[in-house]
Amino acid sequence: MFLLPYSPRWLAKQGRDEEAKATMIRLHGGRTAHIEIVEEEFREMQLQIEWERENLSTNIMDLVNTRPNLHRTVCGCLVQAMCQWTGVNVGAYFGPTIYAKLGFEGQTTLMINGLSGAWGVVTTFIFIVSPCSFAGEPAFADVTDFHCRQARSKEASHRRPHPDGHLSRMASSYR
């Protein structure tokens, strides 16, 4: 991050117009930059910044100063906190170890863990875009629950025996 230049927009917002123009020239190709294009883009950027100063607020208290904004902020924070409390990070971190203990070997453990993560993204998308009923339950909850049960039963049916000839205790505890 220390090696990255300031953005022209940030420089212009800080009143450092010459540095902003120099950065834009460099981004447009340096010596081969068309100065008139850079000047026009800079002028548009200045107009946008001025409009934002007049019409938008950047006060952090705007997140909580009205009831709808407070509701949005609290919902966003709670969703993030609850996602962390689900234990999804534990599953992602220890997944390869768990699958290795179940008898899977090599790249298969990583593949299972990767597919599990991808499936999490898909189901999260479904829950985000699904309409909610009055009770707050997502409409696709039954579909997702069905797929989770399906995945668990397939995993159980494809379990390999432990090298000692028995199913590992961890595998039998998942039933």
N, C-alpha and C. Protein backbone atom coordinates (compact mmCIF):
# COMPACT_ATOMS: atom_id res chain seq x y z
N MET A 1 0.81 -1.18 0.00
CA MET A 1 0.00 0.00 0.00
C MET A 1 0.87 1.26 0.00
N PHE A 2 2.02 1.18 0.63
CA PHE A 2 2.86 2.37 0.72
C PHE A 2 3.43 2.78 -0.63
N LEU A 3 3.50 1.83 -1.56
CA LEU A 3 4.07 2.12 -2.87
C LEU A 3 3.04 2.64 -3.86
N LEU A 4 1.76 2.52 -3.52
CA LEU A 4 0.71 2.96 -4.42
C LEU A 4 0.56 4.48 -4.34
N PRO A 5 0.39 5.14 -5.49
CA PRO A 5 0.20 6.59 -5.46
C PRO A 5 -1.20 6.94 -4.98
N TYR A 6 -1.35 8.17 -4.52
CA TYR A 6 -2.68 8.65 -4.17
C TYR A 6 -3.51 8.72 -5.44
N SER A 7 -4.81 8.50 -5.29
CA SER A 7 -5.68 8.58 -6.47
C SER A 7 -5.87 10.04 -6.84
N PRO A 8 -6.05 10.32 -8.12
CA PRO A 8 -6.27 11.71 -8.54
C PRO A 8 -7.50 12.32 -7.87
N ARG A 9 -8.52 11.51 -7.68
CA ARG A 9 -9.74 12.01 -7.04
C ARG A 9 -9.47 12.43 -5.60
N TRP A 10 -8.73 11.61 -4.86
CA TRP A 10 -8.42 11.95 -3.47
C TRP A 10 -7.58 13.22 -3.43
N LEU A 11 -6.59 13.30 -4.30
CA LEU A 11 -5.74 14.49 -4.33
C LEU A 11 -6.57 15.74 -4.64
N ALA A 12 -7.49 15.64 -5.59
CA ALA A 12 -8.33 16.79 -5.94
C ALA A 12 -9.24 17.17 -4.77
N LYS A 13 -9.77 16.18 -4.05
CA LYS A 13 -10.62 16.49 -2.89
C LYS A 13 -9.84 17.19 -1.80
N GLN A 14 -8.53 16.94 -1.74
CA GLN A 14 -7.69 17.57 -0.74
C GLN A 14 -7.15 18.93 -1.20
N GLY A 15 -7.51 19.34 -2.41
CA GLY A 15 -7.04 20.62 -2.95
C GLY A 15 -5.66 20.55 -3.58
N ARG A 16 -5.16 19.38 -3.84
CA ARG A 16 -3.83 19.20 -4.43
C ARG A 16 -3.99 18.95 -5.93
N ASP A 17 -4.48 20.00 -6.62
CA ASP A 17 -4.85 19.88 -8.02
C ASP A 17 -3.69 19.53 -8.94
N GLU A 18 -2.54 20.14 -8.74
CA GLU A 18 -1.40 19.89 -9.63
C GLU A 18 -0.93 18.44 -9.52
N GLU A 19 -0.90 17.92 -8.29
CA GLU A 19 -0.52 16.51 -8.11
C GLU A 19 -1.56 15.59 -8.74
N ALA A 20 -2.84 15.96 -8.63
CA ALA A 20 -3.90 15.16 -9.22
C ALA A 20 -3.74 15.12 -10.74
N LYS A 21 -3.47 16.28 -11.36
CA LYS A 21 -3.28 16.33 -12.81
C LYS A 21 -2.06 15.53 -13.23
N ALA A 22 -0.98 15.63 -12.46
CA ALA A 22 0.25 14.88 -12.78
C ALA A 22 -0.01 13.38 -12.71
N THR A 23 -0.78 12.95 -11.72
CA THR A 23 -1.12 11.53 -11.60
C THR A 23 -1.99 11.08 -12.76
N MET A 24 -2.94 11.92 -13.14
CA MET A 24 -3.82 11.58 -14.27
C MET A 24 -3.02 11.49 -15.57
N ILE A 25 -2.07 12.40 -15.76
CA ILE A 25 -1.23 12.35 -16.96
C ILE A 25 -0.45 11.04 -16.99
N ARG A 26 0.09 10.66 -15.83
CA ARG A 26 0.85 9.41 -15.76
C ARG A 26 -0.05 8.21 -16.05
N LEU A 27 -1.28 8.24 -15.54
CA LEU A 27 -2.22 7.15 -15.78
C LEU A 27 -2.68 7.10 -17.23
N HIS A 28 -2.65 8.22 -17.90
CA HIS A 28 -3.07 8.27 -19.31
C HIS A 28 -1.91 8.00 -20.26
N GLY A 29 -0.76 7.64 -19.75
CA GLY A 29 0.35 7.28 -20.64
C GLY A 29 1.56 8.17 -20.54
N GLY A 30 1.59 9.07 -19.60
CA GLY A 30 2.78 9.91 -19.42
C GLY A 30 2.96 10.90 -20.56
N ARG A 31 4.09 10.81 -21.22
CA ARG A 31 4.42 11.76 -22.31
C ARG A 31 3.47 11.63 -23.49
N THR A 32 2.88 10.46 -23.67
CA THR A 32 1.99 10.26 -24.82
C THR A 32 0.54 10.62 -24.50
N ALA A 33 0.27 11.11 -23.29
CA ALA A 33 -1.09 11.44 -22.88
C ALA A 33 -1.60 12.64 -23.67
N HIS A 34 -2.86 12.62 -24.01
CA HIS A 34 -3.51 13.76 -24.65
C HIS A 34 -3.96 14.72 -23.55
N ILE A 35 -3.27 15.84 -23.44
CA ILE A 35 -3.49 16.77 -22.34
C ILE A 35 -4.93 17.28 -22.32
N GLU A 36 -5.51 17.51 -23.51
CA GLU A 36 -6.88 18.03 -23.54
C GLU A 36 -7.88 17.02 -22.96
N ILE A 37 -7.62 15.74 -23.15
CA ILE A 37 -8.49 14.70 -22.57
C ILE A 37 -8.33 14.68 -21.05
N VAL A 38 -7.07 14.78 -20.61
CA VAL A 38 -6.80 14.81 -19.17
C VAL A 38 -7.47 16.01 -18.53
N GLU A 39 -7.37 17.19 -19.18
CA GLU A 39 -7.98 18.41 -18.64
C GLU A 39 -9.50 18.27 -18.55
N GLU A 40 -10.12 17.70 -19.58
CA GLU A 40 -11.57 17.51 -19.57
C GLU A 40 -11.98 16.54 -18.48
N GLU A 41 -11.25 15.45 -18.33
CA GLU A 41 -11.55 14.48 -17.27
C GLU A 41 -11.38 15.11 -15.89
N PHE A 42 -10.34 15.91 -15.73
CA PHE A 42 -10.09 16.59 -14.46
C PHE A 42 -11.22 17.57 -14.15
N ARG A 43 -11.67 18.31 -15.18
CA ARG A 43 -12.76 19.26 -14.98
C ARG A 43 -14.04 18.54 -14.55
N GLU A 44 -14.34 17.41 -15.18
CA GLU A 44 -15.52 16.61 -14.80
C GLU A 44 -15.39 16.09 -13.37
N MET A 45 -14.19 15.67 -13.02
CA MET A 45 -13.95 15.17 -11.67
C MET A 45 -14.16 16.29 -10.65
N GLN A 46 -13.69 17.50 -10.96
CA GLN A 46 -13.87 18.65 -10.07
C GLN A 46 -15.35 18.98 -9.89
N LEU A 47 -16.10 18.93 -11.00
CA LEU A 47 -17.54 19.20 -10.91
C LEU A 47 -18.24 18.16 -10.04
N GLN A 48 -17.86 16.90 -10.18
CA GLN A 48 -18.45 15.83 -9.37
C GLN A 48 -18.11 16.01 -7.90
N ILE A 49 -16.88 16.35 -7.61
CA ILE A 49 -16.46 16.56 -6.22
C ILE A 49 -17.23 17.74 -5.62
N GLU A 50 -17.38 18.81 -6.37
CA GLU A 50 -18.12 19.97 -5.88
C GLU A 50 -19.58 19.61 -5.63
N TRP A 51 -20.20 18.85 -6.54
CA TRP A 51 -21.58 18.43 -6.34
C TRP A 51 -21.71 17.59 -5.08
N GLU A 52 -20.77 16.68 -4.86
CA GLU A 52 -20.80 15.83 -3.67
C GLU A 52 -20.66 16.65 -2.39
N ARG A 53 -19.81 17.67 -2.41
CA ARG A 53 -19.65 18.52 -1.22
C ARG A 53 -20.94 19.25 -0.89
N GLU A 54 -21.67 19.67 -1.91
CA GLU A 54 -22.90 20.42 -1.70
C GLU A 54 -24.08 19.53 -1.34
N ASN A 55 -24.12 18.30 -1.84
CA ASN A 55 -25.32 17.48 -1.73
C ASN A 55 -25.19 16.24 -0.85
N LEU A 56 -24.00 15.78 -0.56
CA LEU A 56 -23.83 14.55 0.21
C LEU A 56 -23.12 14.83 1.52
N SER A 57 -23.42 14.01 2.49
CA SER A 57 -22.78 14.13 3.79
C SER A 57 -21.85 12.95 4.00
N THR A 58 -20.72 13.18 4.62
CA THR A 58 -19.80 12.10 4.94
C THR A 58 -19.62 11.96 6.45
N ASN A 59 -20.59 12.47 7.19
CA ASN A 59 -20.55 12.38 8.64
C ASN A 59 -20.88 10.96 9.07
N ILE A 60 -20.06 10.39 9.91
CA ILE A 60 -20.28 9.01 10.34
C ILE A 60 -21.56 8.86 11.14
N MET A 61 -22.02 9.93 11.75
CA MET A 61 -23.26 9.87 12.52
C MET A 61 -24.48 9.67 11.62
N ASP A 62 -24.32 9.89 10.31
CA ASP A 62 -25.42 9.64 9.39
C ASP A 62 -25.82 8.17 9.39
N LEU A 63 -24.94 7.29 9.84
CA LEU A 63 -25.26 5.87 9.90
C LEU A 63 -26.31 5.57 10.96
N VAL A 64 -26.45 6.44 11.96
CA VAL A 64 -27.34 6.14 13.07
C VAL A 64 -28.30 7.27 13.42
N ASN A 65 -28.26 8.40 12.73
CA ASN A 65 -29.05 9.56 13.18
C ASN A 65 -30.52 9.51 12.81
N THR A 66 -30.93 8.61 11.92
CA THR A 66 -32.36 8.43 11.64
C THR A 66 -32.70 6.97 11.88
N ARG A 67 -33.97 6.72 12.15
CA ARG A 67 -34.39 5.35 12.45
C ARG A 67 -34.10 4.38 11.30
N PRO A 68 -34.39 4.72 10.03
CA PRO A 68 -34.07 3.79 8.94
C PRO A 68 -32.57 3.54 8.80
N ASN A 69 -31.75 4.57 8.96
CA ASN A 69 -30.31 4.37 8.87
C ASN A 69 -29.78 3.53 10.02
N LEU A 70 -30.32 3.76 11.21
CA LEU A 70 -29.92 2.95 12.37
C LEU A 70 -30.28 1.49 12.12
N HIS A 71 -31.48 1.25 11.59
CA HIS A 71 -31.92 -0.11 11.29
C HIS A 71 -30.98 -0.77 10.29
N ARG A 72 -30.63 -0.07 9.22
CA ARG A 72 -29.71 -0.62 8.22
C ARG A 72 -28.34 -0.92 8.82
N THR A 73 -27.84 -0.01 9.62
CA THR A 73 -26.51 -0.20 10.21
C THR A 73 -26.50 -1.38 11.17
N VAL A 74 -27.51 -1.46 12.02
CA VAL A 74 -27.58 -2.56 12.99
C VAL A 74 -27.75 -3.89 12.26
N CYS A 75 -28.60 -3.93 11.23
CA CYS A 75 -28.79 -5.17 10.47
C CYS A 75 -27.48 -5.62 9.82
N GLY A 76 -26.78 -4.69 9.22
CA GLY A 76 -25.51 -5.04 8.58
C GLY A 76 -24.49 -5.57 9.58
N CYS A 77 -24.39 -4.92 10.72
CA CYS A 77 -23.44 -5.37 11.75
C CYS A 77 -23.83 -6.72 12.32
N LEU A 78 -25.13 -6.91 12.55
CA LEU A 78 -25.59 -8.19 13.09
C LEU A 78 -25.40 -9.33 12.10
N VAL A 79 -25.66 -9.08 10.83
CA VAL A 79 -25.44 -10.13 9.83
C VAL A 79 -23.97 -10.54 9.82
N GLN A 80 -23.08 -9.58 9.86
CA GLN A 80 -21.65 -9.90 9.87
C GLN A 80 -21.28 -10.68 11.12
N ALA A 81 -21.76 -10.24 12.27
CA ALA A 81 -21.43 -10.92 13.52
C ALA A 81 -21.99 -12.34 13.53
N MET A 82 -23.24 -12.50 13.10
CA MET A 82 -23.85 -13.82 13.10
C MET A 82 -23.15 -14.76 12.12
N CYS A 83 -22.70 -14.23 10.99
CA CYS A 83 -21.96 -15.06 10.04
C CYS A 83 -20.69 -15.61 10.67
N GLN A 84 -20.02 -14.79 11.45
CA GLN A 84 -18.80 -15.26 12.11
C GLN A 84 -19.12 -16.28 13.20
N TRP A 85 -20.24 -16.12 13.87
CA TRP A 85 -20.60 -17.03 14.95
C TRP A 85 -21.12 -18.37 14.46
N THR A 86 -21.38 -18.52 13.17
CA THR A 86 -21.87 -19.80 12.67
C THR A 86 -20.80 -20.87 12.68
N GLY A 87 -19.55 -20.48 12.79
CA GLY A 87 -18.47 -21.44 12.77
C GLY A 87 -17.97 -21.76 11.38
N VAL A 88 -18.39 -20.97 10.40
CA VAL A 88 -17.99 -21.24 9.03
C VAL A 88 -16.47 -21.17 8.86
N ASN A 89 -15.83 -20.32 9.61
CA ASN A 89 -14.37 -20.22 9.50
C ASN A 89 -13.68 -21.46 10.03
N VAL A 90 -14.25 -22.06 11.06
CA VAL A 90 -13.67 -23.29 11.61
C VAL A 90 -13.74 -24.39 10.55
N GLY A 91 -14.89 -24.51 9.90
CA GLY A 91 -15.05 -25.52 8.86
C GLY A 91 -14.09 -25.29 7.70
N ALA A 92 -13.92 -24.05 7.31
CA ALA A 92 -13.03 -23.75 6.19
C ALA A 92 -11.58 -24.01 6.57
N TYR A 93 -11.21 -23.67 7.80
CA TYR A 93 -9.81 -23.82 8.22
C TYR A 93 -9.46 -25.29 8.47
N PHE A 94 -10.33 -26.00 9.17
CA PHE A 94 -10.02 -27.38 9.54
C PHE A 94 -10.58 -28.40 8.56
N GLY A 95 -11.28 -27.95 7.51
CA GLY A 95 -11.89 -28.86 6.56
C GLY A 95 -10.96 -29.92 6.01
N PRO A 96 -9.80 -29.56 5.45
CA PRO A 96 -8.89 -30.59 4.92
C PRO A 96 -8.46 -31.60 5.97
N THR A 97 -8.25 -31.14 7.19
CA THR A 97 -7.85 -32.06 8.27
C THR A 97 -8.99 -33.02 8.60
N ILE A 98 -10.20 -32.48 8.67
CA ILE A 98 -11.36 -33.32 8.97
C ILE A 98 -11.56 -34.36 7.88
N TYR A 99 -11.49 -33.94 6.62
CA TYR A 99 -11.70 -34.90 5.52
C TYR A 99 -10.57 -35.92 5.45
N ALA A 100 -9.37 -35.53 5.81
CA ALA A 100 -8.27 -36.49 5.85
C ALA A 100 -8.53 -37.53 6.94
N LYS A 101 -9.06 -37.09 8.09
CA LYS A 101 -9.39 -38.03 9.17
C LYS A 101 -10.53 -38.95 8.77
N LEU A 102 -11.39 -38.50 7.85
CA LEU A 102 -12.48 -39.34 7.37
C LEU A 102 -12.00 -40.37 6.36
N GLY A 103 -10.74 -40.26 5.94
CA GLY A 103 -10.18 -41.26 5.04
C GLY A 103 -9.91 -40.77 3.64
N PHE A 104 -10.25 -39.52 3.34
CA PHE A 104 -9.94 -38.98 2.02
C PHE A 104 -8.47 -38.62 1.96
N GLU A 105 -7.90 -38.67 0.78
CA GLU A 105 -6.46 -38.46 0.66
C GLU A 105 -6.14 -37.36 -0.35
N GLY A 106 -4.96 -36.78 -0.20
CA GLY A 106 -4.36 -35.88 -1.18
C GLY A 106 -5.23 -34.69 -1.53
N GLN A 107 -5.33 -34.45 -2.84
CA GLN A 107 -6.05 -33.28 -3.36
C GLN A 107 -7.55 -33.39 -3.14
N THR A 108 -8.05 -34.58 -2.87
CA THR A 108 -9.48 -34.77 -2.67
C THR A 108 -9.97 -33.95 -1.49
N THR A 109 -9.18 -33.89 -0.43
CA THR A 109 -9.60 -33.11 0.74
C THR A 109 -9.73 -31.64 0.40
N LEU A 110 -8.79 -31.13 -0.39
CA LEU A 110 -8.86 -29.72 -0.79
C LEU A 110 -10.03 -29.48 -1.73
N MET A 111 -10.29 -30.44 -2.62
CA MET A 111 -11.40 -30.29 -3.56
C MET A 111 -12.74 -30.26 -2.81
N ILE A 112 -12.90 -31.15 -1.84
CA ILE A 112 -14.14 -31.18 -1.05
C ILE A 112 -14.30 -29.86 -0.31
N ASN A 113 -13.23 -29.37 0.28
CA ASN A 113 -13.29 -28.12 1.00
C ASN A 113 -13.62 -26.95 0.05
N GLY A 114 -13.03 -26.95 -1.13
CA GLY A 114 -13.31 -25.91 -2.11
C GLY A 114 -14.75 -25.95 -2.59
N LEU A 115 -15.25 -27.16 -2.85
CA LEU A 115 -16.65 -27.29 -3.27
C LEU A 115 -17.60 -26.86 -2.16
N SER A 116 -17.24 -27.17 -0.93
CA SER A 116 -18.06 -26.73 0.20
C SER A 116 -18.11 -25.21 0.28
N GLY A 117 -16.97 -24.57 0.08
CA GLY A 117 -16.94 -23.10 0.08
C GLY A 117 -17.75 -22.51 -1.06
N ALA A 118 -17.65 -23.12 -2.24
CA ALA A 118 -18.42 -22.64 -3.39
C ALA A 118 -19.90 -22.82 -3.14
N TRP A 119 -20.27 -23.96 -2.55
CA TRP A 119 -21.68 -24.20 -2.25
C TRP A 119 -22.19 -23.16 -1.24
N GLY A 120 -21.33 -22.77 -0.31
CA GLY A 120 -21.71 -21.73 0.65
C GLY A 120 -22.02 -20.42 -0.04
N VAL A 121 -21.25 -20.07 -1.06
CA VAL A 121 -21.50 -18.84 -1.82
C VAL A 121 -22.84 -18.94 -2.54
N VAL A 122 -23.12 -20.10 -3.15
CA VAL A 122 -24.38 -20.28 -3.88
C VAL A 122 -25.56 -20.17 -2.93
N THR A 123 -25.51 -20.86 -1.80
CA THR A 123 -26.65 -20.81 -0.87
C THR A 123 -26.79 -19.43 -0.25
N THR A 124 -25.69 -18.75 0.00
CA THR A 124 -25.78 -17.38 0.52
C THR A 124 -26.49 -16.49 -0.48
N PHE A 125 -26.14 -16.63 -1.75
CA PHE A 125 -26.81 -15.84 -2.80
C PHE A 125 -28.30 -16.13 -2.82
N ILE A 126 -28.66 -17.41 -2.70
CA ILE A 126 -30.08 -17.78 -2.70
C ILE A 126 -30.80 -17.10 -1.54
N PHE A 127 -30.20 -17.12 -0.35
CA PHE A 127 -30.84 -16.50 0.80
C PHE A 127 -30.91 -14.98 0.67
N ILE A 128 -29.95 -14.38 0.03
CA ILE A 128 -29.97 -12.93 -0.14
C ILE A 128 -31.06 -12.50 -1.10
N VAL A 129 -31.22 -13.21 -2.20
CA VAL A 129 -32.19 -12.80 -3.22
C VAL A 129 -33.58 -13.37 -3.00
N SER A 130 -33.73 -14.32 -2.10
CA SER A 130 -35.06 -14.92 -1.91
C SER A 130 -35.94 -13.98 -1.11
N PRO A 131 -37.21 -13.93 -1.47
CA PRO A 131 -38.13 -13.09 -0.70
C PRO A 131 -38.38 -13.73 0.67
N CYS A 132 -38.56 -12.91 1.66
CA CYS A 132 -38.80 -13.42 3.01
C CYS A 132 -40.29 -13.36 3.33
N SER A 133 -40.75 -14.36 4.05
CA SER A 133 -42.14 -14.37 4.48
C SER A 133 -42.29 -13.43 5.67
N PHE A 134 -43.50 -13.28 6.16
CA PHE A 134 -43.75 -12.41 7.30
C PHE A 134 -42.97 -12.87 8.52
N ALA A 135 -42.82 -14.18 8.68
CA ALA A 135 -42.11 -14.72 9.85
C ALA A 135 -40.61 -14.55 9.73
N GLY A 136 -40.13 -14.17 8.55
CA GLY A 136 -38.70 -13.95 8.38
C GLY A 136 -37.95 -15.15 7.84
N GLU A 137 -38.65 -16.24 7.54
CA GLU A 137 -37.97 -17.40 7.00
C GLU A 137 -37.79 -17.25 5.50
N PRO A 138 -36.59 -17.47 4.99
CA PRO A 138 -36.39 -17.38 3.54
C PRO A 138 -37.21 -18.44 2.81
N ALA A 139 -37.71 -18.08 1.64
CA ALA A 139 -38.57 -18.98 0.87
C ALA A 139 -37.82 -20.23 0.42
N PHE A 140 -36.52 -20.12 0.21
CA PHE A 140 -35.77 -21.26 -0.29
C PHE A 140 -35.13 -22.09 0.83
N ALA A 141 -35.56 -21.87 2.06
CA ALA A 141 -34.95 -22.60 3.18
C ALA A 141 -35.12 -24.10 3.01
N ASP A 142 -36.31 -24.53 2.58
CA ASP A 142 -36.54 -25.96 2.40
C ASP A 142 -35.66 -26.53 1.30
N VAL A 143 -35.49 -25.78 0.21
CA VAL A 143 -34.64 -26.24 -0.89
C VAL A 143 -33.20 -26.38 -0.42
N THR A 144 -32.70 -25.38 0.27
CA THR A 144 -31.32 -25.42 0.74
C THR A 144 -31.13 -26.53 1.76
N ASP A 145 -32.09 -26.69 2.67
CA ASP A 145 -32.01 -27.77 3.65
C ASP A 145 -31.98 -29.12 2.96
N PHE A 146 -32.79 -29.28 1.92
CA PHE A 146 -32.80 -30.52 1.15
C PHE A 146 -31.42 -30.78 0.56
N HIS A 147 -30.81 -29.75 -0.05
CA HIS A 147 -29.49 -29.94 -0.67
C HIS A 147 -28.42 -30.24 0.37
N CYS A 148 -28.51 -29.63 1.54
CA CYS A 148 -27.54 -29.93 2.61
C CYS A 148 -27.66 -31.38 3.06
N ARG A 149 -28.91 -31.84 3.23
CA ARG A 149 -29.11 -33.23 3.63
C ARG A 149 -28.63 -34.19 2.54
N GLN A 150 -28.87 -33.81 1.28
CA GLN A 150 -28.43 -34.62 0.15
C GLN A 150 -26.90 -34.74 0.15
N ALA A 151 -26.22 -33.61 0.37
CA ALA A 151 -24.76 -33.62 0.37
C ALA A 151 -24.22 -34.48 1.51
N ARG A 152 -24.85 -34.39 2.68
CA ARG A 152 -24.40 -35.18 3.82
C ARG A 152 -24.58 -36.67 3.57
N SER A 153 -25.71 -37.04 2.96
CA SER A 153 -25.94 -38.46 2.71
C SER A 153 -24.97 -38.99 1.65
N LYS A 154 -24.66 -38.18 0.64
CA LYS A 154 -23.68 -38.61 -0.36
C LYS A 154 -22.30 -38.76 0.28
N GLU A 155 -21.95 -37.82 1.16
CA GLU A 155 -20.65 -37.89 1.82
C GLU A 155 -20.57 -39.16 2.67
N ALA A 156 -21.66 -39.47 3.36
CA ALA A 156 -21.66 -40.66 4.21
C ALA A 156 -21.58 -41.94 3.38
N SER A 157 -22.23 -41.96 2.22
CA SER A 157 -22.21 -43.17 1.41
C SER A 157 -20.88 -43.38 0.70
N HIS A 158 -20.09 -42.33 0.55
CA HIS A 158 -18.79 -42.44 -0.13
C HIS A 158 -17.62 -42.49 0.84
N ARG A 159 -17.92 -42.65 2.14
CA ARG A 159 -16.84 -42.70 3.12
C ARG A 159 -15.95 -43.90 2.85
N ARG A 160 -14.69 -43.68 2.97
CA ARG A 160 -13.73 -44.77 2.82
C ARG A 160 -13.36 -45.30 4.20
N PRO A 161 -13.03 -46.56 4.28
CA PRO A 161 -12.62 -47.08 5.59
C PRO A 161 -11.28 -46.50 6.00
N HIS A 162 -11.10 -46.42 7.29
CA HIS A 162 -9.84 -45.98 7.86
C HIS A 162 -8.77 -46.99 7.49
N PRO A 163 -7.50 -46.58 7.36
CA PRO A 163 -6.45 -47.55 7.01
C PRO A 163 -6.40 -48.75 7.95
N ASP A 164 -6.91 -48.61 9.19
CA ASP A 164 -6.91 -49.73 10.12
C ASP A 164 -8.05 -50.70 9.83
N GLY A 165 -8.90 -50.39 8.85
CA GLY A 165 -9.98 -51.29 8.48
C GLY A 165 -11.33 -50.92 9.06
N HIS A 166 -11.43 -49.85 9.84
CA HIS A 166 -12.71 -49.44 10.41
C HIS A 166 -12.98 -47.98 10.05
N LEU A 167 -14.23 -47.61 10.14
CA LEU A 167 -14.55 -46.20 9.94
C LEU A 167 -14.03 -45.41 11.13
N SER A 168 -13.51 -44.26 10.85
CA SER A 168 -12.98 -43.46 11.96
C SER A 168 -14.10 -43.05 12.89
N ARG A 169 -13.76 -42.80 14.15
CA ARG A 169 -14.78 -42.38 15.12
C ARG A 169 -15.42 -41.07 14.69
N MET A 170 -14.62 -40.18 14.06
CA MET A 170 -15.15 -38.90 13.63
C MET A 170 -16.21 -39.12 12.55
N ALA A 171 -15.98 -40.04 11.65
CA ALA A 171 -16.94 -40.30 10.58
C ALA A 171 -18.25 -40.84 11.15
N SER A 172 -18.15 -41.71 12.12
CA SER A 172 -19.38 -42.29 12.68
C SER A 172 -20.14 -41.27 13.52
N SER A 173 -19.46 -40.24 14.02
CA SER A 173 -20.16 -39.23 14.83
C SER A 173 -20.96 -38.27 13.97
N TYR A 174 -20.76 -38.27 12.65
CA TYR A 174 -21.50 -37.37 11.78
C TYR A 174 -22.88 -37.90 11.42
N ARG A 175 -23.21 -39.11 11.79
CA ARG A 175 -24.50 -39.72 11.41
C ARG A 175 -25.64 -39.10 12.09
